Amino acid sequence: MKEDELHTLTETQKKARRSRSIAIGLGLAALVVIFYIATIIKFNPAILDRAM
């Protein structure tokens, strides 16, 4: 690696990166929950009509 390719992050940059990572993680988790709920709502009548 070249010397100019290495970057040292400041504490402010590290905190900003961590905050972005947490926000992306929470957004992804929310999307998963929304898709799960939408799937349950969509297939709920079909699940109840199946033979036991």
C-alpha atoms as a PDB file:
ATOM      1  CA  MET A   1       0.000   0.000   0.000  1.00  0.00           C
ATOM      2  CA  LYS A   2       1.153   3.468  -0.734  1.00  0.00           C
ATOM      3  CA  GLU A   3       1.634   5.858   2.123  1.00  0.00           C
ATOM      4  CA  ASP A   4      -0.989   8.297   0.777  1.00  0.00           C
ATOM      5  CA  GLU A   5      -3.646   5.529   0.753  1.00  0.00           C
ATOM      6  CA  LEU A   6      -3.551   5.160   4.545  1.00  0.00           C
ATOM      7  CA  HIS A   7      -5.813   7.476   6.517  1.00  0.00           C
ATOM      8  CA  THR A   8      -6.034   7.978  10.241  1.00  0.00           C
ATOM      9  CA  LEU A   9      -9.539   8.809  11.393  1.00  0.00           C
ATOM     10  CA  THR A  10     -10.150  11.391  14.062  1.00  0.00           C
ATOM     11  CA  GLU A  11     -12.420  10.635  16.997  1.00  0.00           C
ATOM     12  CA  THR A  12     -15.152  12.751  15.396  1.00  0.00           C
ATOM     13  CA  GLN A  13     -14.923  10.736  12.190  1.00  0.00           C
ATOM     14  CA  LYS A  14     -15.003   7.459  14.128  1.00  0.00           C
ATOM     15  CA  LYS A  15     -18.134   8.570  15.993  1.00  0.00           C
ATOM     16  CA  ALA A  16     -19.779   9.658  12.734  1.00  0.00           C
ATOM     17  CA  ARG A  17     -18.948   6.318  11.096  1.00  0.00           C
ATOM     18  CA  ARG A  18     -20.331   4.414  14.083  1.00  0.00           C
ATOM     19  CA  SER A  19     -23.506   6.507  14.067  1.00  0.00           C
ATOM     20  CA  ARG A  20     -23.996   5.825  10.347  1.00  0.00           C
ATOM     21  CA  SER A  21     -23.421   2.115  10.879  1.00  0.00           C
ATOM     22  CA  ILE A  22     -25.984   2.002  13.681  1.00  0.00           C
ATOM     23  CA  ALA A  23     -28.492   3.954  11.584  1.00  0.00           C
ATOM     24  CA  ILE A  24     -28.022   1.590   8.632  1.00  0.00           C
ATOM     25  CA  GLY A  25     -28.405  -1.427  10.923  1.00  0.00           C
ATOM     26  CA  LEU A  26     -31.585  -0.060  12.477  1.00  0.00           C
ATOM     27  CA  GLY A  27     -32.986   0.795   9.051  1.00  0.00           C
ATOM     28  CA  LEU A  28     -32.248  -2.714   7.813  1.00  0.00           C
ATOM     29  CA  ALA A  29     -33.856  -4.255  10.908  1.00  0.00           C
ATOM     30  CA  ALA A  30     -36.952  -2.075  10.426  1.00  0.00           C
ATOM     31  CA  LEU A  31     -37.182  -3.169   6.786  1.00  0.00           C
ATOM     32  CA  VAL A  32     -37.001  -6.833   7.808  1.00  0.00           C
ATOM     33  CA  VAL A  33     -39.788  -6.301  10.366  1.00  0.00           C
ATOM     34  CA  ILE A  34     -41.948  -4.488   7.788  1.00  0.00           C
ATOM     35  CA  PHE A  35     -41.508  -7.308   5.254  1.00  0.00           C
ATOM     36  CA  TYR A  36     -42.277  -9.912   7.937  1.00  0.00           C
ATOM     37  CA  ILE A  37     -45.465  -8.137   9.015  1.00  0.00           C
ATOM     38  CA  ALA A  38     -46.537  -7.617   5.399  1.00  0.00           C
ATOM     39  CA  THR A  39     -46.007 -11.328   4.694  1.00  0.00           C
ATOM     40  CA  ILE A  40     -48.025 -12.372   7.747  1.00  0.00           C
ATOM     41  CA  ILE A  41     -50.856  -9.997   6.779  1.00  0.00           C
ATOM     42  CA  LYS A  42     -50.835 -11.194   3.168  1.00  0.00           C
ATOM     43  CA  PHE A  43     -50.849 -14.934   3.928  1.00  0.00           C
ATOM     44  CA  ASN A  44     -52.898 -14.950   7.134  1.00  0.00           C
ATOM     45  CA  PRO A  45     -56.232 -15.978   5.528  1.00  0.00           C
ATOM     46  CA  ALA A  46     -54.519 -18.735   3.518  1.00  0.00           C
ATOM     47  CA  ILE A  47     -52.845 -20.100   6.654  1.00  0.00           C
ATOM     48  CA  LEU A  48     -56.145 -20.261   8.505  1.00  0.00           C
ATOM     49  CA  ASP A  49     -57.910 -22.168   5.664  1.00  0.00           C
ATOM     50  CA  ARG A  50     -55.485 -25.084   5.493  1.00  0.00           C
ATOM     51  CA  ALA A  51     -56.489 -28.600   6.542  1.00  0.00           C
ATOM     52  CA  MET A  52     -55.151 -29.799   9.842  1.00  0.00           C
END
